[in-house]
Amino acid sequence: MNVLQGALLGLIQGLGEFLPISSSGHLLLAQKLFGLNGSDAAMKMLDILLHVGTLIPVLLVFWREWIDMIAHPVRNKTLLKLITASVPTLVIYIIARKVLVVSDEIRGFSVFDSGWFLGVSFLVTAVFLLLCDRFAASRRSASSRTEVSFLQAVIMGIFQGAGLLPGVSRSGSTIFGGVASGMNKDKAARFSFMMSAPAILGSLLMEGKDAIEEGYIRDIDLFPSIVGIAVAAVTGFAALRFMLKMISKVPLSWFALYVALLGIAWLLLQLAGSPLVPAFALPAAVPAAAPAEVENAVGFLRVMLA
């Protein structure tokens, strides 16, 4: 990977993290365009580092909120709600690793890394955004000062789990989850963007541990990665400020139209058997999870949400 590629990946990450178009889906598209191996361990680590770049604007834009919730955790329960929202996402991640198994190396949401499901994922994002506008239209008078409830945090966390699928926008799905649970778009968007902080930190800790233990962090191109992180931070800051300002003014249906066209184009290429896109099939047959594994995973979900 060269510096220009690193900068373009950073640009895609910065815009896609906060615009509801799926940064993961667009990064996968870009990696295929550049001929980069998206399933390579070092490339996965680069994806996490680019996400760290977009963590910076979240910390900067909401710095007053972060200081207040950390300094007054009893009065300001936002931090606890953010942690609560992360639990369903983690549980979905764990269940996926139990149920979706191709091999020891390819399991969970990694089975979608080739991009075979990307067209459907973009269409799912489009549906979420269209429904979000429809629900929000009936709540234009809702107060943006209404606090997020713990139940709403859990619902948004569940939809954040859907955003683990490449092509399903994390911000789009969580904003929809918030609006569907009774929030207006402005409040849902603010909480959604803040939810990205624990999600990114959690991914960094898990992937960073593997990178150090397995040694593939040495395979990352250092300077292009630094450039990508910097570009992701700058463009992410601009995209975040734009969305906070325009979320209640601009219909999300415009973004829905874009990702729908992208998804349809991807599916048409697959139907035509184009060598540019992977066939609509898993990399290998996924064996059914053992009943005990499913039972344990579901039991864990019930305990965590109890």
C-alpha atoms as a PDB file:
ATOM      1  CA  MET A   1       0.000   0.000   0.000  1.00  0.00           C
ATOM      2  CA  ASN A   2       1.345   3.426  -0.926  1.00  0.00           C
ATOM      3  CA  VAL A   3       0.705   6.838   0.632  1.00  0.00           C
ATOM      4  CA  LEU A   4      -2.005   7.800  -1.881  1.00  0.00           C
ATOM      5  CA  GLN A   5      -3.897   4.599  -1.207  1.00  0.00           C
ATOM      6  CA  GLY A   6      -3.574   5.161   2.536  1.00  0.00           C
ATOM      7  CA  ALA A   7      -4.935   8.701   2.166  1.00  0.00           C
ATOM      8  CA  LEU A   8      -7.877   7.528   0.045  1.00  0.00           C
ATOM      9  CA  LEU A   9      -8.731   4.775   2.528  1.00  0.00           C
ATOM     10  CA  GLY A  10      -8.592   7.367   5.302  1.00  0.00           C
ATOM     11  CA  LEU A  11     -10.893   9.656   3.327  1.00  0.00           C
ATOM     12  CA  ILE A  12     -13.379   6.823   2.812  1.00  0.00           C
ATOM     13  CA  GLN A  13     -13.274   5.900   6.502  1.00  0.00           C
ATOM     14  CA  GLY A  14     -13.675   9.495   7.658  1.00  0.00           C
ATOM     15  CA  LEU A  15     -16.715  10.112   5.487  1.00  0.00           C
ATOM     16  CA  GLY A  16     -18.277   6.674   5.800  1.00  0.00           C
ATOM     17  CA  GLU A  17     -18.114   6.469   9.598  1.00  0.00           C
ATOM     18  CA  PHE A  18     -20.509   9.387  10.107  1.00  0.00           C
ATOM     19  CA  LEU A  19     -22.364   9.616   6.808  1.00  0.00           C
ATOM     20  CA  PRO A  20     -24.827   6.682   6.826  1.00  0.00           C
ATOM     21  CA  ILE A  21     -23.258   4.880   3.862  1.00  0.00           C
ATOM     22  CA  SER A  22     -21.124   2.214   5.639  1.00  0.00           C
ATOM     23  CA  SER A  23     -17.415   2.856   5.984  1.00  0.00           C
ATOM     24  CA  SER A  24     -16.723  -0.890   6.150  1.00  0.00           C
ATOM     25  CA  GLY A  25     -18.553  -1.517   2.884  1.00  0.00           C
ATOM     26  CA  HIS A  26     -16.757   1.293   1.073  1.00  0.00           C
ATOM     27  CA  LEU A  27     -13.379   0.259   2.488  1.00  0.00           C
ATOM     28  CA  LEU A  28     -14.008  -3.218   1.117  1.00  0.00           C
ATOM     29  CA  LEU A  29     -14.855  -1.734  -2.279  1.00  0.00           C
ATOM     30  CA  ALA A  30     -11.700   0.388  -2.229  1.00  0.00           C
ATOM     31  CA  GLN A  31      -9.500  -2.525  -1.192  1.00  0.00           C
ATOM     32  CA  LYS A  32     -10.754  -4.533  -4.139  1.00  0.00           C
ATOM     33  CA  LEU A  33     -10.229  -1.580  -6.459  1.00  0.00           C
ATOM     34  CA  PHE A  34      -6.639  -1.187  -5.237  1.00  0.00           C
ATOM     35  CA  GLY A  35      -6.017  -4.919  -5.359  1.00  0.00           C
ATOM     36  CA  LEU A  36      -5.485  -5.131  -1.601  1.00  0.00           C
ATOM     37  CA  ASN A  37      -6.371  -8.303   0.272  1.00  0.00           C
ATOM     38  CA  GLY A  38      -9.214  -7.358   2.629  1.00  0.00           C
ATOM     39  CA  SER A  39      -9.042 -10.743   4.366  1.00  0.00           C
ATOM     40  CA  ASP A  40      -5.358 -10.333   5.204  1.00  0.00           C
ATOM     41  CA  ALA A  41      -4.724  -9.977   8.947  1.00  0.00           C
ATOM     42  CA  ALA A  42      -2.596  -6.859   8.506  1.00  0.00           C
ATOM     43  CA  MET A  43      -5.309  -5.255   6.377  1.00  0.00           C
ATOM     44  CA  LYS A  44      -7.880  -5.956   9.089  1.00  0.00           C
ATOM     45  CA  MET A  45      -5.614  -4.225  11.578  1.00  0.00           C
ATOM     46  CA  LEU A  46      -5.362  -1.261   9.208  1.00  0.00           C
ATOM     47  CA  ASP A  47      -9.169  -1.049   9.189  1.00  0.00           C
ATOM     48  CA  ILE A  48      -9.127  -0.812  12.984  1.00  0.00           C
ATOM     49  CA  LEU A  49      -6.430   1.877  12.918  1.00  0.00           C
ATOM     50  CA  LEU A  50      -8.463   3.903  10.423  1.00  0.00           C
ATOM     51  CA  HIS A  51     -11.413   3.628  12.804  1.00  0.00           C
ATOM     52  CA  VAL A  52      -9.153   5.000  15.543  1.00  0.00           C
ATOM     53  CA  GLY A  53      -8.668   8.010  13.276  1.00  0.00           C
ATOM     54  CA  THR A  54     -12.419   8.647  13.398  1.00  0.00           C
ATOM     55  CA  LEU A  55     -12.409   8.218  17.170  1.00  0.00           C
ATOM     56  CA  ILE A  56     -10.457  11.477  17.426  1.00  0.00           C
ATOM     57  CA  PRO A  57     -13.282  13.732  16.130  1.00  0.00           C
ATOM     58  CA  VAL A  58     -15.771  11.960  18.425  1.00  0.00           C
ATOM     59  CA  LEU A  59     -13.574  12.869  21.394  1.00  0.00           C
ATOM     60  CA  LEU A  60     -13.068  16.444  20.159  1.00  0.00           C
ATOM     61  CA  VAL A  61     -16.636  17.302  19.169  1.00  0.00           C
ATOM     62  CA  PHE A  62     -18.175  15.869  22.343  1.00  0.00           C
ATOM     63  CA  TRP A  63     -15.346  16.809  24.726  1.00  0.00           C
ATOM     64  CA  ARG A  64     -17.643  18.629  27.146  1.00  0.00           C
ATOM     65  CA  GLU A  65     -19.944  15.617  27.357  1.00  0.00           C
ATOM     66  CA  TRP A  66     -17.034  13.223  27.921  1.00  0.00           C
ATOM     67  CA  ILE A  67     -15.601  15.339  30.733  1.00  0.00           C
ATOM     68  CA  ASP A  68     -18.987  15.734  32.434  1.00  0.00           C
ATOM     69  CA  MET A  69     -19.944  12.048  32.240  1.00  0.00           C
ATOM     70  CA  ILE A  70     -16.543  10.944  33.559  1.00  0.00           C
ATOM     71  CA  ALA A  71     -16.437  13.577  36.308  1.00  0.00           C
ATOM     72  CA  HIS A  72     -20.060  13.006  37.402  1.00  0.00           C
ATOM     73  CA  PRO A  73     -20.920   9.350  36.646  1.00  0.00           C
ATOM     74  CA  VAL A  74     -23.804   9.289  39.164  1.00  0.00           C
ATOM     75  CA  ARG A  75     -25.587  12.397  37.941  1.00  0.00           C
ATOM     76  CA  ASN A  76     -24.710  11.918  34.287  1.00  0.00           C
ATOM     77  CA  LYS A  77     -25.476   8.323  33.349  1.00  0.00           C
ATOM     78  CA  THR A  78     -24.511   8.695  29.680  1.00  0.00           C
ATOM     79  CA  LEU A  79     -21.286   6.721  30.106  1.00  0.00           C
ATOM     80  CA  LEU A  80     -23.194   3.847  31.738  1.00  0.00           C
ATOM     81  CA  LYS A  81     -25.723   3.958  28.897  1.00  0.00           C
ATOM     82  CA  LEU A  82     -22.934   3.840  26.311  1.00  0.00           C
ATOM     83  CA  ILE A  83     -21.507   0.775  28.032  1.00  0.00           C
ATOM     84  CA  THR A  84     -25.016  -0.733  28.177  1.00  0.00           C
ATOM     85  CA  ALA A  85     -25.410  -0.138  24.436  1.00  0.00           C
ATOM     86  CA  SER A  86     -22.130  -1.954  23.789  1.00  0.00           C
ATOM     87  CA  VAL A  87     -23.254  -5.152  25.540  1.00  0.00           C
ATOM     88  CA  PRO A  88     -25.786  -6.327  22.895  1.00  0.00           C
ATOM     89  CA  THR A  89     -23.222  -5.603  20.176  1.00  0.00           C
ATOM     90  CA  LEU A  90     -20.637  -7.734  21.965  1.00  0.00           C
ATOM     91  CA  VAL A  91     -23.149 -10.535  22.465  1.00  0.00           C
ATOM     92  CA  ILE A  92     -24.081 -10.507  18.768  1.00  0.00           C
ATOM     93  CA  TYR A  93     -20.375 -10.664  17.913  1.00  0.00           C
ATOM     94  CA  ILE A  94     -19.887 -13.669  20.219  1.00  0.00           C
ATOM     95  CA  ILE A  95     -22.959 -15.498  18.882  1.00  0.00           C
ATOM     96  CA  ALA A  96     -21.810 -14.902  15.295  1.00  0.00           C
ATOM     97  CA  ARG A  97     -18.458 -16.487  16.105  1.00  0.00           C
ATOM     98  CA  LYS A  98     -20.301 -19.503  17.500  1.00  0.00           C
ATOM     99  CA  VAL A  99     -22.805 -19.914  14.671  1.00  0.00           C
ATOM    100  CA  LEU A 100     -20.929 -18.780  11.543  1.00  0.00           C
ATOM    101  CA  VAL A 101     -17.907 -21.039  11.235  1.00  0.00           C
ATOM    102  CA  VAL A 102     -15.935 -21.800   8.081  1.00  0.00           C
ATOM    103  CA  SER A 103     -12.609 -22.551   9.740  1.00  0.00           C
ATOM    104  CA  ASP A 104     -10.649 -21.552  12.827  1.00  0.00           C
ATOM    105  CA  GLU A 105      -9.468 -18.471  10.944  1.00  0.00           C
ATOM    106  CA  ILE A 106     -12.751 -17.600   9.212  1.00  0.00           C
ATOM    107  CA  ARG A 107     -15.645 -17.342  11.588  1.00  0.00           C
ATOM    108  CA  GLY A 108     -18.240 -14.829  12.713  1.00  0.00           C
ATOM    109  CA  PHE A 109     -18.561 -11.746  10.536  1.00  0.00           C
ATOM    110  CA  SER A 110     -15.248 -12.611   8.853  1.00  0.00           C
ATOM    111  CA  VAL A 111     -17.200 -14.922   6.541  1.00  0.00           C
ATOM    112  CA  PHE A 112     -18.439 -11.765   4.786  1.00  0.00           C
ATOM    113  CA  ASP A 113     -14.980 -10.225   4.276  1.00  0.00           C
ATOM    114  CA  SER A 114     -14.786 -11.325   0.636  1.00  0.00           C
ATOM    115  CA  GLY A 115     -17.699  -9.013  -0.188  1.00  0.00           C
ATOM    116  CA  TRP A 116     -20.059 -11.721  -1.466  1.00  0.00           C
ATOM    117  CA  PHE A 117     -22.935 -10.314   0.634  1.00  0.00           C
ATOM    118  CA  LEU A 118     -22.110  -6.630   0.086  1.00  0.00           C
ATOM    119  CA  GLY A 119     -24.951  -5.869  -2.321  1.00  0.00           C
ATOM    120  CA  VAL A 120     -27.593  -7.143   0.084  1.00  0.00           C
ATOM    121  CA  SER A 121     -25.958  -5.277   2.958  1.00  0.00           C
ATOM    122  CA  PHE A 122     -26.140  -1.958   1.101  1.00  0.00           C
ATOM    123  CA  LEU A 123     -29.833  -2.600   0.426  1.00  0.00           C
ATOM    124  CA  VAL A 124     -30.400  -3.304   4.127  1.00  0.00           C
ATOM    125  CA  THR A 125     -28.829   0.078   4.920  1.00  0.00           C
ATOM    126  CA  ALA A 126     -31.152   1.731   2.390  1.00  0.00           C
ATOM    127  CA  VAL A 127     -34.211   0.157   4.062  1.00  0.00           C
ATOM    128  CA  PHE A 128     -33.053   1.324   7.508  1.00  0.00           C
ATOM    129  CA  LEU A 129     -32.599   4.902   6.268  1.00  0.00           C
ATOM    130  CA  LEU A 130     -35.959   5.035   4.514  1.00  0.00           C
ATOM    131  CA  LEU A 131     -37.763   3.685   7.580  1.00  0.00           C
ATOM    132  CA  CYS A 132     -35.853   6.142   9.775  1.00  0.00           C
ATOM    133  CA  ASP A 133     -37.206   9.104   7.806  1.00  0.00           C
ATOM    134  CA  ARG A 134     -40.708   7.676   7.946  1.00  0.00           C
ATOM    135  CA  PHE A 135     -40.648   7.220  11.731  1.00  0.00           C
ATOM    136  CA  ALA A 136     -38.941  10.569  12.316  1.00  0.00           C
ATOM    137  CA  ALA A 137     -41.608  12.424  10.342  1.00  0.00           C
ATOM    138  CA  SER A 138     -44.130  11.652  13.080  1.00  0.00           C
ATOM    139  CA  ARG A 139     -41.827  12.921  15.851  1.00  0.00           C
ATOM    140  CA  ARG A 140     -40.742  16.340  14.618  1.00  0.00           C
ATOM    141  CA  SER A 141     -42.071  17.954  17.775  1.00  0.00           C
ATOM    142  CA  ALA A 142     -40.187  15.573  20.105  1.00  0.00           C
ATOM    143  CA  SER A 143     -37.789  17.356  22.446  1.00  0.00           C
ATOM    144  CA  SER A 144     -34.101  16.929  21.622  1.00  0.00           C
ATOM    145  CA  ARG A 145     -33.406  17.341  25.352  1.00  0.00           C
ATOM    146  CA  THR A 146     -35.117  14.060  26.193  1.00  0.00           C
ATOM    147  CA  GLU A 147     -32.571  11.715  27.736  1.00  0.00           C
ATOM    148  CA  VAL A 148     -31.789   8.368  26.201  1.00  0.00           C
ATOM    149  CA  SER A 149     -33.292   5.576  28.274  1.00  0.00           C
ATOM    150  CA  PHE A 150     -31.455   2.344  29.065  1.00  0.00           C
ATOM    151  CA  LEU A 151     -33.964   0.417  26.933  1.00  0.00           C
ATOM    152  CA  GLN A 152     -33.294   2.721  23.982  1.00  0.00           C
ATOM    153  CA  ALA A 153     -29.554   2.238  24.530  1.00  0.00           C
ATOM    154  CA  VAL A 154     -30.022  -1.553  24.362  1.00  0.00           C
ATOM    155  CA  ILE A 155     -32.100  -1.269  21.174  1.00  0.00           C
ATOM    156  CA  MET A 156     -29.463   0.932  19.544  1.00  0.00           C
ATOM    157  CA  GLY A 157     -26.815  -1.559  20.664  1.00  0.00           C
ATOM    158  CA  ILE A 158     -28.685  -4.372  18.927  1.00  0.00           C
ATOM    159  CA  PHE A 159     -28.782  -2.374  15.702  1.00  0.00           C
ATOM    160  CA  GLN A 160     -25.095  -1.594  16.141  1.00  0.00           C
ATOM    161  CA  GLY A 161     -24.597  -5.356  16.052  1.00  0.00           C
ATOM    162  CA  ALA A 162     -26.226  -5.350  12.607  1.00  0.00           C
ATOM    163  CA  GLY A 163     -23.634  -2.757  11.630  1.00  0.00           C
ATOM    164  CA  LEU A 164     -20.893  -5.351  12.129  1.00  0.00           C
ATOM    165  CA  LEU A 165     -21.890  -6.679   8.718  1.00  0.00           C
ATOM    166  CA  PRO A 166     -19.815  -4.976   5.975  1.00  0.00           C
ATOM    167  CA  GLY A 167     -22.116  -2.737   3.957  1.00  0.00           C
ATOM    168  CA  VAL A 168     -24.591  -2.132   6.793  1.00  0.00           C
ATOM    169  CA  SER A 169     -23.957   1.385   8.062  1.00  0.00           C
ATOM    170  CA  ARG A 170     -23.251   1.483  11.804  1.00  0.00           C
ATOM    171  CA  SER A 171     -24.438   5.075  12.123  1.00  0.00           C
ATOM    172  CA  GLY A 172     -27.445   4.511   9.864  1.00  0.00           C
ATOM    173  CA  SER A 173     -28.596   1.381  11.675  1.00  0.00           C
ATOM    174  CA  THR A 174     -28.139   2.839  15.184  1.00  0.00           C
ATOM    175  CA  ILE A 175     -29.862   6.114  14.292  1.00  0.00           C
ATOM    176  CA  PHE A 176     -32.755   4.061  12.928  1.00  0.00           C
ATOM    177  CA  GLY A 177     -32.794   2.019  16.136  1.00  0.00           C
ATOM    178  CA  GLY A 178     -32.967   5.194  18.198  1.00  0.00           C
ATOM    179  CA  VAL A 179     -35.728   6.759  16.111  1.00  0.00           C
ATOM    180  CA  ALA A 180     -37.707   3.504  16.040  1.00  0.00           C
ATOM    181  CA  SER A 181     -37.543   3.405  19.856  1.00  0.00           C
ATOM    182  CA  GLY A 182     -39.027   6.894  20.207  1.00  0.00           C
ATOM    183  CA  MET A 183     -36.149   9.361  19.819  1.00  0.00           C
ATOM    184  CA  ASN A 184     -35.892  12.156  17.271  1.00  0.00           C
ATOM    185  CA  LYS A 185     -33.115  12.029  14.675  1.00  0.00           C
ATOM    186  CA  ASP A 186     -30.974  14.679  16.355  1.00  0.00           C
ATOM    187  CA  LYS A 187     -30.823  12.912  19.724  1.00  0.00           C
ATOM    188  CA  ALA A 188     -30.426   9.489  18.115  1.00  0.00           C
ATOM    189  CA  ALA A 189     -27.557  10.756  15.959  1.00  0.00           C
ATOM    190  CA  ARG A 190     -25.657  12.287  18.871  1.00  0.00           C
ATOM    191  CA  PHE A 191     -25.903   9.109  20.931  1.00  0.00           C
ATOM    192  CA  SER A 192     -25.069   6.990  17.885  1.00  0.00           C
ATOM    193  CA  PHE A 193     -21.866   8.900  17.191  1.00  0.00           C
ATOM    194  CA  MET A 194     -20.809   8.680  20.831  1.00  0.00           C
ATOM    195  CA  MET A 195     -21.509   4.920  20.756  1.00  0.00           C
ATOM    196  CA  SER A 196     -18.709   4.571  18.222  1.00  0.00           C
ATOM    197  CA  ALA A 197     -16.098   5.377  20.898  1.00  0.00           C
ATOM    198  CA  PRO A 198     -16.436   2.200  23.043  1.00  0.00           C
ATOM    199  CA  ALA A 199     -16.960   0.118  19.879  1.00  0.00           C
ATOM    200  CA  ILE A 200     -13.702   1.370  18.341  1.00  0.00           C
ATOM    201  CA  LEU A 201     -11.767   1.027  21.594  1.00  0.00           C
ATOM    202  CA  GLY A 202     -13.053  -2.522  22.062  1.00  0.00           C
ATOM    203  CA  SER A 203     -12.052  -3.490  18.519  1.00  0.00           C
ATOM    204  CA  LEU A 204      -8.629  -1.912  18.982  1.00  0.00           C
ATOM    205  CA  LEU A 205      -7.995  -3.866  22.164  1.00  0.00           C
ATOM    206  CA  MET A 206      -9.078  -7.206  20.678  1.00  0.00           C
ATOM    207  CA  GLU A 207      -7.424  -6.813  17.285  1.00  0.00           C
ATOM    208  CA  GLY A 208      -4.368  -5.090  18.748  1.00  0.00           C
ATOM    209  CA  LYS A 209      -3.804  -7.999  21.114  1.00  0.00           C
ATOM    210  CA  ASP A 210      -3.946 -10.456  18.210  1.00  0.00           C
ATOM    211  CA  ALA A 211      -1.672  -8.244  16.128  1.00  0.00           C
ATOM    212  CA  ILE A 212       1.005  -8.191  18.810  1.00  0.00           C
ATOM    213  CA  GLU A 213       0.730 -11.876  19.698  1.00  0.00           C
ATOM    214  CA  GLU A 214       0.727 -13.109  16.097  1.00  0.00           C
ATOM    215  CA  GLY A 215       3.267 -10.570  14.862  1.00  0.00           C
ATOM    216  CA  TYR A 216       1.375  -9.395  11.782  1.00  0.00           C
ATOM    217  CA  ILE A 217       1.435  -5.805  13.011  1.00  0.00           C
ATOM    218  CA  ARG A 218       4.931  -5.714  11.505  1.00  0.00           C
ATOM    219  CA  ASP A 219       3.361  -6.234   8.059  1.00  0.00           C
ATOM    220  CA  ILE A 220       1.465  -2.936   8.233  1.00  0.00           C
ATOM    221  CA  ASP A 221       2.896  -0.150   6.042  1.00  0.00           C
ATOM    222  CA  LEU A 222       3.662   2.392   8.747  1.00  0.00           C
ATOM    223  CA  PHE A 223       3.801   5.741   6.932  1.00  0.00           C
ATOM    224  CA  PRO A 224       0.790   5.166   4.623  1.00  0.00           C
ATOM    225  CA  SER A 225      -1.158   3.982   7.679  1.00  0.00           C
ATOM    226  CA  ILE A 226      -0.277   7.140   9.617  1.00  0.00           C
ATOM    227  CA  VAL A 227      -1.374   9.253   6.652  1.00  0.00           C
ATOM    228  CA  GLY A 228      -4.629   7.291   6.457  1.00  0.00           C
ATOM    229  CA  ILE A 229      -5.325   7.795  10.164  1.00  0.00           C
ATOM    230  CA  ALA A 230      -4.672  11.543   9.879  1.00  0.00           C
ATOM    231  CA  VAL A 231      -6.934  11.900   6.837  1.00  0.00           C
ATOM    232  CA  ALA A 232      -9.651   9.834   8.551  1.00  0.00           C
ATOM    233  CA  ALA A 233      -9.477  12.150  11.577  1.00  0.00           C
ATOM    234  CA  VAL A 234      -9.752  15.363   9.538  1.00  0.00           C
ATOM    235  CA  THR A 235     -12.484  14.201   7.153  1.00  0.00           C
ATOM    236  CA  GLY A 236     -14.283  12.463  10.012  1.00  0.00           C
ATOM    237  CA  PHE A 237     -14.370  15.731  11.965  1.00  0.00           C
ATOM    238  CA  ALA A 238     -15.904  17.527   8.972  1.00  0.00           C
ATOM    239  CA  ALA A 239     -18.424  14.728   8.338  1.00  0.00           C
ATOM    240  CA  LEU A 240     -19.421  14.569  12.009  1.00  0.00           C
ATOM    241  CA  ARG A 241     -20.019  18.310  12.255  1.00  0.00           C
ATOM    242  CA  PHE A 242     -21.983  18.199   8.999  1.00  0.00           C
ATOM    243  CA  MET A 243     -24.234  15.381  10.196  1.00  0.00           C
ATOM    244  CA  LEU A 244     -24.907  16.998  13.565  1.00  0.00           C
ATOM    245  CA  LYS A 245     -25.912  20.202  11.802  1.00  0.00           C
ATOM    246  CA  MET A 246     -27.949  18.671   8.988  1.00  0.00           C
ATOM    247  CA  ILE A 247     -29.402  15.457  10.460  1.00  0.00           C
ATOM    248  CA  SER A 248     -32.757  17.064  11.256  1.00  0.00           C
ATOM    249  CA  LYS A 249     -32.843  19.061   7.996  1.00  0.00           C
ATOM    250  CA  VAL A 250     -31.688  16.643   5.293  1.00  0.00           C
ATOM    251  CA  PRO A 251     -33.745  13.494   4.583  1.00  0.00           C
ATOM    252  CA  LEU A 252     -31.735  10.315   4.962  1.00  0.00           C
ATOM    253  CA  SER A 253     -33.540   9.042   1.875  1.00  0.00           C
ATOM    254  CA  TRP A 254     -30.875  10.722  -0.270  1.00  0.00           C
ATOM    255  CA  PHE A 255     -28.249   8.494   1.321  1.00  0.00           C
ATOM    256  CA  ALA A 256     -30.673   5.571   0.977  1.00  0.00           C
ATOM    257  CA  LEU A 257     -30.904   6.179  -2.772  1.00  0.00           C
ATOM    258  CA  TYR A 258     -27.110   6.170  -3.092  1.00  0.00           C
ATOM    259  CA  VAL A 259     -26.510   2.925  -1.179  1.00  0.00           C
ATOM    260  CA  ALA A 260     -29.509   1.264  -2.887  1.00  0.00           C
ATOM    261  CA  LEU A 261     -28.054   2.003  -6.325  1.00  0.00           C
ATOM    262  CA  LEU A 262     -24.672   0.761  -5.141  1.00  0.00           C
ATOM    263  CA  GLY A 263     -26.217  -2.447  -3.805  1.00  0.00           C
ATOM    264  CA  ILE A 264     -28.231  -3.087  -6.971  1.00  0.00           C
ATOM    265  CA  ALA A 265     -25.173  -2.502  -9.144  1.00  0.00           C
ATOM    266  CA  TRP A 266     -23.165  -4.983  -7.041  1.00  0.00           C
ATOM    267  CA  LEU A 267     -25.901  -7.637  -7.295  1.00  0.00           C
ATOM    268  CA  LEU A 268     -26.227  -7.145 -11.061  1.00  0.00           C
ATOM    269  CA  LEU A 269     -22.480  -7.663 -11.450  1.00  0.00           C
ATOM    270  CA  GLN A 270     -22.783 -10.864  -9.425  1.00  0.00           C
ATOM    271  CA  LEU A 271     -25.699 -12.098 -11.523  1.00  0.00           C
ATOM    272  CA  ALA A 272     -23.682 -11.376 -14.668  1.00  0.00           C
ATOM    273  CA  GLY A 273     -20.790 -13.407 -13.297  1.00  0.00           C
ATOM    274  CA  SER A 274     -18.419 -10.449 -13.430  1.00  0.00           C
ATOM    275  CA  PRO A 275     -14.852 -11.220 -12.310  1.00  0.00           C
ATOM    276  CA  LEU A 276     -14.822  -7.795 -10.632  1.00  0.00           C
ATOM    277  CA  VAL A 277     -16.971  -9.019  -7.748  1.00  0.00           C
ATOM    278  CA  PRO A 278     -17.075 -12.294  -5.771  1.00  0.00           C
ATOM    279  CA  ALA A 279     -19.853 -14.770  -6.436  1.00  0.00           C
ATOM    280  CA  PHE A 280     -22.856 -14.714  -4.122  1.00  0.00           C
ATOM    281  CA  ALA A 281     -21.669 -17.631  -1.981  1.00  0.00           C
ATOM    282  CA  LEU A 282     -19.846 -18.257   1.256  1.00  0.00           C
ATOM    283  CA  PRO A 283     -16.113 -18.994   0.942  1.00  0.00           C
ATOM    284  CA  ALA A 284     -16.991 -22.533   2.044  1.00  0.00           C
ATOM    285  CA  ALA A 285     -20.007 -24.364   3.393  1.00  0.00           C
ATOM    286  CA  VAL A 286     -20.843 -23.145   6.867  1.00  0.00           C
ATOM    287  CA  PRO A 287     -21.633 -26.098   9.123  1.00  0.00           C
ATOM    288  CA  ALA A 288     -24.593 -25.792  11.420  1.00  0.00           C
ATOM    289  CA  ALA A 289     -23.607 -24.842  14.924  1.00  0.00           C
ATOM    290  CA  ALA A 290     -23.865 -27.575  17.508  1.00  0.00           C
ATOM    291  CA  PRO A 291     -27.091 -27.228  19.528  1.00  0.00           C
ATOM    292  CA  ALA A 292     -25.081 -26.841  22.742  1.00  0.00           C
ATOM    293  CA  GLU A 293     -23.128 -23.941  21.266  1.00  0.00           C
ATOM    294  CA  VAL A 294     -26.287 -22.131  20.201  1.00  0.00           C
ATOM    295  CA  GLU A 295     -27.915 -22.801  23.572  1.00  0.00           C
ATOM    296  CA  ASN A 296     -24.881 -21.447  25.431  1.00  0.00           C
ATOM    297  CA  ALA A 297     -24.731 -18.354  23.233  1.00  0.00           C
ATOM    298  CA  VAL A 298     -28.436 -17.601  23.671  1.00  0.00           C
ATOM    299  CA  GLY A 299     -28.129 -18.215  27.414  1.00  0.00           C
ATOM    300  CA  PHE A 300     -25.260 -15.754  27.577  1.00  0.00           C
ATOM    301  CA  LEU A 301     -27.397 -13.181  25.728  1.00  0.00           C
ATOM    302  CA  ARG A 302     -30.229 -13.574  28.221  1.00  0.00           C
ATOM    303  CA  VAL A 303     -27.892 -13.212  31.199  1.00  0.00           C
ATOM    304  CA  MET A 304     -26.236 -10.061  29.795  1.00  0.00           C
ATOM    305  CA  LEU A 305     -29.574  -8.389  29.039  1.00  0.00           C
ATOM    306  CA  ALA A 306     -31.290  -9.477  32.248  1.00  0.00           C
END
